[in-house]
């Protein structure tokens, strides 16, 4: 079962129109539009390496601020 990215309602697939339609708010999306909207709304996470680099920068900034 698929859920609406706008309101969380149930999406119904119409085989004639080849579109998903939300039963609650009426949002109508093609499968491609649904995929793109979900990708856009998905939170972005840093990779472990990016997170490690940011922690190093934060620590260096903190350490240098104590030297003044």
N, C-alpha and C. Protein backbone atom coordinates (compact mmCIF):
# COMPACT_ATOMS: atom_id res chain seq x y z
N UNK A 1 0.84 -1.17 0.00
CA UNK A 1 0.00 0.00 0.00
C UNK A 1 0.89 1.24 0.00
N UNK A 2 0.50 2.22 -0.74
CA UNK A 2 1.24 3.47 -0.82
C UNK A 2 0.44 4.57 -0.13
N UNK A 3 1.22 5.52 0.42
CA UNK A 3 0.60 6.63 1.15
C UNK A 3 0.96 7.95 0.49
N UNK A 4 0.05 8.90 0.61
CA UNK A 4 0.20 10.23 0.01
C UNK A 4 1.33 10.99 0.71
N UNK A 5 2.25 11.56 -0.08
CA UNK A 5 3.32 12.35 0.53
C UNK A 5 2.83 13.70 1.08
N UNK A 6 1.65 14.12 0.69
CA UNK A 6 1.11 15.40 1.16
C UNK A 6 0.36 15.26 2.48
N UNK A 7 -0.59 14.30 2.53
CA UNK A 7 -1.45 14.22 3.72
C UNK A 7 -1.36 12.89 4.45
N UNK A 8 -0.70 11.90 3.87
CA UNK A 8 -0.58 10.60 4.50
C UNK A 8 -1.74 9.67 4.22
N UNK A 9 -2.69 10.12 3.39
CA UNK A 9 -3.84 9.29 3.03
C UNK A 9 -3.44 8.15 2.11
N UNK A 10 -4.37 7.25 1.88
CA UNK A 10 -4.12 6.08 1.04
C UNK A 10 -4.16 6.48 -0.44
N UNK A 11 -3.18 6.00 -1.20
CA UNK A 11 -3.15 6.25 -2.64
C UNK A 11 -3.77 5.07 -3.37
N UNK A 12 -4.61 5.38 -4.34
CA UNK A 12 -5.24 4.36 -5.18
C UNK A 12 -4.69 4.50 -6.59
N UNK A 13 -4.28 3.37 -7.19
CA UNK A 13 -3.72 3.41 -8.55
C UNK A 13 -4.83 3.14 -9.55
N UNK A 14 -5.01 4.08 -10.49
CA UNK A 14 -5.98 3.91 -11.56
C UNK A 14 -5.29 3.35 -12.79
N UNK A 15 -5.62 2.11 -13.16
CA UNK A 15 -4.94 1.47 -14.29
C UNK A 15 -5.29 2.14 -15.62
N UNK A 16 -6.46 2.74 -15.72
CA UNK A 16 -6.84 3.42 -16.97
C UNK A 16 -6.06 4.73 -17.14
N UNK A 17 -5.90 5.47 -16.03
CA UNK A 17 -5.21 6.75 -16.10
C UNK A 17 -3.72 6.61 -15.83
N UNK A 18 -3.33 5.46 -15.26
CA UNK A 18 -1.93 5.19 -14.89
C UNK A 18 -1.39 6.27 -13.95
N UNK A 19 -2.24 6.62 -12.97
CA UNK A 19 -1.89 7.63 -11.98
C UNK A 19 -2.32 7.16 -10.60
N UNK A 20 -1.59 7.63 -9.59
CA UNK A 20 -1.98 7.42 -8.20
C UNK A 20 -2.83 8.60 -7.78
N UNK A 21 -3.94 8.33 -7.11
CA UNK A 21 -4.82 9.38 -6.63
C UNK A 21 -5.05 9.16 -5.14
N UNK A 22 -4.87 10.22 -4.37
CA UNK A 22 -5.08 10.14 -2.93
C UNK A 22 -6.57 10.16 -2.63
N UNK A 23 -7.01 9.23 -1.78
CA UNK A 23 -8.43 9.16 -1.41
C UNK A 23 -8.82 10.28 -0.46
N UNK A 24 -7.84 10.89 0.21
CA UNK A 24 -8.15 11.94 1.18
C UNK A 24 -8.12 13.34 0.57
N UNK A 25 -6.99 13.69 -0.07
CA UNK A 25 -6.84 15.07 -0.55
C UNK A 25 -7.00 15.21 -2.06
N UNK A 26 -7.02 14.09 -2.79
CA UNK A 26 -7.22 14.16 -4.23
C UNK A 26 -5.97 14.39 -5.05
N UNK A 27 -4.80 14.38 -4.43
CA UNK A 27 -3.54 14.56 -5.15
C UNK A 27 -3.41 13.46 -6.20
N UNK A 28 -3.03 13.84 -7.41
CA UNK A 28 -2.90 12.89 -8.50
C UNK A 28 -1.47 12.94 -9.04
N UNK A 29 -0.81 11.78 -9.07
CA UNK A 29 0.59 11.70 -9.48
C UNK A 29 0.83 10.48 -10.37
N UNK A 30 1.73 10.65 -11.32
CA UNK A 30 2.21 9.50 -12.08
C UNK A 30 3.21 8.76 -11.19
N UNK A 31 3.51 7.50 -11.50
CA UNK A 31 4.52 6.80 -10.70
C UNK A 31 5.86 7.55 -10.65
N UNK A 32 6.27 8.16 -11.77
CA UNK A 32 7.53 8.91 -11.79
C UNK A 32 7.45 10.14 -10.91
N UNK A 33 6.33 10.87 -10.96
CA UNK A 33 6.16 12.05 -10.11
C UNK A 33 6.16 11.67 -8.63
N UNK A 34 5.54 10.54 -8.30
CA UNK A 34 5.52 10.06 -6.92
C UNK A 34 6.93 9.76 -6.45
N UNK A 35 7.71 9.07 -7.28
CA UNK A 35 9.10 8.75 -6.93
C UNK A 35 9.91 10.02 -6.72
N UNK A 36 9.80 10.98 -7.64
CA UNK A 36 10.56 12.23 -7.55
C UNK A 36 10.17 13.03 -6.31
N UNK A 37 8.88 13.08 -5.99
CA UNK A 37 8.43 13.82 -4.82
C UNK A 37 8.94 13.18 -3.55
N UNK A 38 8.93 11.85 -3.48
CA UNK A 38 9.44 11.17 -2.29
C UNK A 38 10.94 11.38 -2.14
N UNK A 39 11.68 11.37 -3.24
CA UNK A 39 13.12 11.62 -3.18
C UNK A 39 13.39 13.04 -2.68
N UNK A 40 12.59 13.99 -3.14
CA UNK A 40 12.76 15.38 -2.74
C UNK A 40 12.46 15.58 -1.25
N UNK A 41 11.45 14.87 -0.74
CA UNK A 41 11.04 15.02 0.65
C UNK A 41 11.87 14.19 1.61
N UNK A 42 12.62 13.21 1.08
CA UNK A 42 13.44 12.35 1.94
C UNK A 42 14.57 13.16 2.56
N UNK A 43 14.75 13.02 3.87
CA UNK A 43 15.84 13.77 4.51
C UNK A 43 17.20 13.31 3.99
N UNK A 44 18.08 14.26 3.85
CA UNK A 44 19.44 13.96 3.36
C UNK A 44 20.34 13.67 4.56
N UNK A 45 21.07 12.58 4.47
CA UNK A 45 22.00 12.21 5.53
C UNK A 45 23.41 12.30 5.01
N UNK A 46 24.29 12.74 5.89
CA UNK A 46 25.70 12.81 5.52
C UNK A 46 26.28 11.40 5.53
N UNK A 47 27.28 11.19 4.70
CA UNK A 47 28.00 9.93 4.76
C UNK A 47 28.85 9.94 6.03
N UNK A 48 29.35 8.78 6.41
CA UNK A 48 30.20 8.71 7.61
C UNK A 48 31.43 9.59 7.45
N UNK A 49 32.00 9.62 6.25
CA UNK A 49 33.20 10.43 6.01
C UNK A 49 32.88 11.92 6.15
N UNK A 50 31.74 12.36 5.58
CA UNK A 50 31.36 13.76 5.69
C UNK A 50 31.09 14.15 7.15
N UNK A 51 30.45 13.26 7.89
CA UNK A 51 30.18 13.53 9.30
C UNK A 51 31.48 13.60 10.08
N UNK A 52 32.42 12.71 9.78
CA UNK A 52 33.71 12.71 10.46
C UNK A 52 34.48 14.01 10.17
N UNK A 53 34.48 14.44 8.91
CA UNK A 53 35.16 15.68 8.54
C UNK A 53 34.55 16.87 9.28
N UNK A 54 33.21 16.91 9.38
CA UNK A 54 32.55 18.02 10.06
C UNK A 54 32.90 18.02 11.55
N UNK A 55 32.95 16.84 12.16
CA UNK A 55 33.33 16.75 13.57
C UNK A 55 34.76 17.25 13.78
N UNK A 56 35.66 16.91 12.86
CA UNK A 56 37.04 17.39 12.97
C UNK A 56 37.10 18.91 12.87
N UNK A 57 36.35 19.47 11.92
CA UNK A 57 36.33 20.93 11.78
C UNK A 57 35.77 21.60 13.03
N UNK A 58 34.69 21.04 13.57
CA UNK A 58 34.09 21.61 14.78
C UNK A 58 35.06 21.55 15.95
N UNK A 59 35.75 20.42 16.10
CA UNK A 59 36.71 20.27 17.19
C UNK A 59 37.87 21.25 17.03
N UNK A 60 38.39 21.37 15.81
CA UNK A 60 39.49 22.29 15.57
C UNK A 60 39.07 23.73 15.86
N UNK A 61 37.88 24.09 15.45
CA UNK A 61 37.37 25.43 15.73
C UNK A 61 37.28 25.66 17.24
N UNK A 62 36.76 24.68 17.98
CA UNK A 62 36.65 24.78 19.42
C UNK A 62 38.05 24.88 20.05
N UNK A 63 38.96 24.03 19.62
CA UNK A 63 40.30 23.99 20.19
C UNK A 63 41.04 25.30 19.96
N UNK A 64 40.93 25.86 18.75
CA UNK A 64 41.57 27.13 18.45
C UNK A 64 40.95 28.29 19.23
N UNK A 65 39.67 28.21 19.50
CA UNK A 65 39.02 29.29 20.26
C UNK A 65 39.52 29.32 21.71
N UNK A 66 39.98 28.20 22.26
CA UNK A 66 40.51 28.14 23.62
C UNK A 66 41.92 28.68 23.70
N UNK A 67 42.62 28.82 22.58
CA UNK A 67 44.02 29.27 22.56
C UNK A 67 44.13 30.79 22.58
N UNK A 68 43.05 31.49 22.43
CA UNK A 68 43.12 32.96 22.37
C UNK A 68 43.22 33.58 23.72
